[in-house]
Amino acid sequence: MKQLFTLFLTFARIGLFTFGGGYAMLPMLTRVVAGEKKWVTEDELIDFYAISQCTPGIIAVNTATFIGVKLKGIAGAVFATLGLIFPSVVIITLIAAFLRDFGSNEDVQNALAGARVAACALMTVAVIRLGRKAIRSIISAVIAAGAFVLAAFFGASPVWIALGAVVLGTLYAVVITRRRTDK
């Protein structure tokens, strides 16, 4: 039970102090979950992130769920997920209850503009860190560049991009394996 409570509190802290969504959350997830707690490796976290991108739902919630399952099964998934969403639910409930014109408040708009810039910076850090870990060969660099072009310039669905990358990576592995066995 203690580890379940620790899961909840850890993910609540991540949920409370991360703004900008799942991508902006990656640096903190990496630092806390893979670094401080050593619950997963950075490679496992990247895998969870990739799977979370391809499954329905919020990427950060899906990632928390996968980490929870790895650590403590279904109960771990529930505690990690509830921990992650708890701060947002409380904050949104308080805002809805007490501030009807919250969104049109000029101070709030200025604060959100600053938060958006910070979220973009955090996402950039996440991309750089992911790239350093994930891009290990020419073929992975080509797949990453292709995925970027498809998403940024053609608006391709992340699900199709991820599935295409899986197919290309698998085909490449099969070709390499065949070449090695032929020699």
Protein backbone atom coordinates (compact mmCIF):
# COMPACT_ATOMS: atom_id res chain seq x y z
CA MET A 1 0.00 0.00 0.00
CA LYS A 2 2.90 2.32 0.74
CA GLN A 3 4.20 2.10 -2.84
CA LEU A 4 0.70 2.81 -4.18
CA PHE A 5 0.52 5.95 -2.04
CA THR A 6 4.02 6.90 -3.22
CA LEU A 7 2.87 6.41 -6.84
CA PHE A 8 -0.12 8.67 -6.22
CA LEU A 9 1.94 11.42 -4.55
CA THR A 10 4.72 11.28 -7.13
CA PHE A 11 2.35 11.59 -10.06
CA ALA A 12 0.31 14.26 -8.23
CA ARG A 13 3.50 16.30 -7.86
CA ILE A 14 4.25 15.83 -11.56
CA GLY A 15 0.68 16.80 -12.45
CA LEU A 16 0.76 19.84 -10.19
CA PHE A 17 4.02 21.31 -11.41
CA THR A 18 3.83 20.58 -15.10
CA PHE A 19 2.05 22.91 -17.48
CA GLY A 20 1.62 22.42 -21.21
CA GLY A 21 0.35 18.87 -21.46
CA GLY A 22 1.99 15.51 -21.92
CA TYR A 23 4.92 16.67 -24.04
CA ALA A 24 5.89 19.35 -21.56
CA MET A 25 5.61 16.75 -18.82
CA LEU A 26 8.30 14.50 -20.33
CA PRO A 27 11.33 16.28 -18.79
CA MET A 28 9.82 16.04 -15.31
CA LEU A 29 8.71 12.44 -15.87
CA THR A 30 12.22 11.58 -17.02
CA ARG A 31 13.86 13.31 -14.07
CA VAL A 32 11.54 11.92 -11.42
CA VAL A 33 10.37 8.51 -12.67
CA ALA A 34 13.50 7.40 -14.54
CA GLY A 35 16.06 9.43 -12.56
CA GLU A 36 15.11 9.89 -8.90
CA LYS A 37 12.78 6.92 -8.41
CA LYS A 38 14.38 4.63 -11.02
CA TRP A 39 10.99 3.02 -11.60
CA VAL A 40 11.68 2.77 -15.33
CA THR A 41 14.66 3.30 -17.59
CA GLU A 42 14.72 6.20 -20.03
CA ASP A 43 14.33 3.70 -22.87
CA GLU A 44 11.23 2.22 -21.22
CA LEU A 45 9.85 5.72 -20.71
CA ILE A 46 10.36 6.50 -24.39
CA ASP A 47 8.59 3.23 -25.27
CA PHE A 48 5.69 4.09 -22.94
CA TYR A 49 5.51 7.53 -24.50
CA ALA A 50 5.45 6.09 -28.01
CA ILE A 51 2.69 3.63 -27.11
CA SER A 52 0.77 6.40 -25.31
CA GLN A 53 0.91 8.51 -28.46
CA CYS A 54 -0.74 5.68 -30.42
CA THR A 55 -3.49 4.89 -27.94
CA PRO A 56 -6.65 6.90 -27.30
CA GLY A 57 -6.52 9.39 -24.47
CA ILE A 58 -4.19 11.92 -22.98
CA ILE A 59 -0.55 11.03 -23.53
CA ALA A 60 0.56 11.89 -19.97
CA VAL A 61 -2.29 9.92 -18.42
CA ASN A 62 -1.56 6.92 -20.62
CA THR A 63 2.13 7.08 -19.71
CA ALA A 64 1.33 7.27 -15.99
CA THR A 65 -1.00 4.30 -16.41
CA PHE A 66 1.69 2.21 -18.14
CA ILE A 67 4.24 3.04 -15.44
CA GLY A 68 1.71 2.18 -12.73
CA VAL A 69 0.97 -1.17 -14.39
CA LYS A 70 4.67 -1.97 -14.61
CA LEU A 71 5.21 -1.26 -10.92
CA LYS A 72 2.06 -2.53 -9.20
CA GLY A 73 -0.33 -3.92 -11.79
CA ILE A 74 -3.87 -2.62 -12.11
CA ALA A 75 -3.81 -0.96 -8.67
CA GLY A 76 -0.60 0.85 -9.65
CA ALA A 77 -2.24 2.05 -12.86
CA VAL A 78 -5.21 3.44 -10.93
CA PHE A 79 -3.09 5.21 -8.30
CA ALA A 80 -0.61 6.67 -10.80
CA THR A 81 -3.40 7.87 -13.09
CA LEU A 82 -5.48 9.35 -10.28
CA GLY A 83 -2.37 11.04 -8.88
CA LEU A 84 -1.59 12.65 -12.21
CA ILE A 85 -5.08 14.01 -12.83
CA PHE A 86 -5.90 14.95 -9.21
CA PRO A 87 -4.23 18.41 -9.22
CA SER A 88 -5.90 19.38 -12.50
CA VAL A 89 -9.32 18.28 -11.30
CA VAL A 90 -8.94 20.31 -8.09
CA ILE A 91 -7.64 23.41 -9.88
CA ILE A 92 -10.29 23.31 -12.60
CA THR A 93 -13.05 22.75 -10.04
CA LEU A 94 -11.88 25.73 -7.97
CA ILE A 95 -11.63 27.95 -11.03
CA ALA A 96 -15.09 26.92 -12.21
CA ALA A 97 -16.58 27.43 -8.75
CA PHE A 98 -15.11 30.82 -7.92
CA LEU A 99 -14.17 32.63 -11.08
CA ARG A 100 -16.82 32.86 -13.75
CA ASP A 101 -14.87 35.26 -15.97
CA PHE A 102 -11.51 33.59 -15.39
CA GLY A 103 -10.73 33.13 -19.07
CA SER A 104 -11.36 36.76 -19.99
CA ASN A 105 -9.33 38.21 -17.09
CA GLU A 106 -6.36 40.16 -18.54
CA ASP A 107 -3.97 39.03 -15.79
CA VAL A 108 -4.94 35.42 -16.38
CA GLN A 109 -4.43 35.85 -20.13
CA ASN A 110 -0.95 37.27 -19.53
CA ALA A 111 -0.08 34.43 -17.17
CA LEU A 112 -1.29 31.87 -19.70
CA ALA A 113 0.75 33.52 -22.46
CA GLY A 114 3.85 33.09 -20.30
CA ALA A 115 2.91 29.49 -19.52
CA ARG A 116 2.52 28.74 -23.24
CA VAL A 117 6.04 29.99 -23.95
CA ALA A 118 7.42 27.91 -21.07
CA ALA A 119 5.50 24.87 -22.33
CA CYS A 120 7.04 25.30 -25.79
CA ALA A 121 10.51 25.45 -24.24
CA LEU A 122 9.81 22.31 -22.19
CA MET A 123 8.55 20.50 -25.28
CA THR A 124 11.72 21.45 -27.13
CA VAL A 125 13.81 20.03 -24.29
CA ALA A 126 11.72 16.84 -24.42
CA VAL A 127 12.27 16.49 -28.17
CA ILE A 128 16.03 16.95 -27.81
CA ARG A 129 16.24 14.41 -24.98
CA LEU A 130 14.06 11.92 -26.81
CA GLY A 131 16.07 12.38 -29.97
CA ARG A 132 19.37 11.74 -28.21
CA LYS A 133 18.02 8.48 -26.81
CA ALA A 134 15.94 7.27 -29.75
CA ILE A 135 17.98 8.26 -32.80
CA ARG A 136 20.83 5.77 -32.81
CA SER A 137 21.35 5.04 -36.49
CA ILE A 138 20.92 6.51 -39.96
CA ILE A 139 17.63 4.67 -40.44
CA SER A 140 16.22 5.99 -37.15
CA ALA A 141 17.31 9.52 -38.16
CA VAL A 142 15.54 9.11 -41.52
CA ILE A 143 12.39 7.80 -39.82
CA ALA A 144 12.46 10.71 -37.34
CA ALA A 145 12.95 13.27 -40.11
CA GLY A 146 10.15 11.72 -42.14
CA ALA A 147 7.83 11.71 -39.13
CA PHE A 148 8.61 15.37 -38.48
CA VAL A 149 7.93 16.36 -42.08
CA LEU A 150 4.67 14.38 -42.19
CA ALA A 151 3.43 15.91 -38.92
CA ALA A 152 4.69 19.47 -39.34
CA PHE A 153 4.00 20.07 -43.02
CA PHE A 154 1.26 17.64 -43.97
CA GLY A 155 -0.72 17.36 -40.72
CA ALA A 156 -0.51 13.56 -40.71
CA SER A 157 -2.07 11.74 -37.78
CA PRO A 158 0.42 10.80 -35.04
CA VAL A 159 -1.14 7.34 -34.94
CA TRP A 160 -0.40 6.71 -38.62
CA ILE A 161 3.07 8.18 -38.30
CA ALA A 162 3.85 5.93 -35.32
CA LEU A 163 2.43 2.86 -37.03
CA GLY A 164 4.40 3.65 -40.19
CA ALA A 165 7.57 4.05 -38.13
CA VAL A 166 6.94 0.67 -36.50
CA VAL A 167 6.51 -0.95 -39.91
CA LEU A 168 9.64 0.71 -41.32
CA GLY A 169 11.70 -0.19 -38.26
CA THR A 170 10.50 -3.78 -38.40
CA LEU A 171 11.22 -4.07 -42.13
CA TYR A 172 14.69 -2.64 -41.59
CA ALA A 173 15.36 -5.11 -38.78
CA VAL A 174 14.20 -8.02 -40.97
CA VAL A 175 16.44 -6.89 -43.85
CA ILE A 176 19.45 -6.49 -41.55
CA THR A 177 18.81 -9.88 -39.94
CA ARG A 178 18.58 -11.56 -43.35
CA ARG A 179 21.80 -9.92 -44.51
CA ARG A 180 23.62 -11.16 -41.40
CA THR A 181 22.33 -14.72 -41.81
CA ASP A 182 23.21 -14.73 -45.53
CA LYS A 183 26.85 -13.93 -44.76
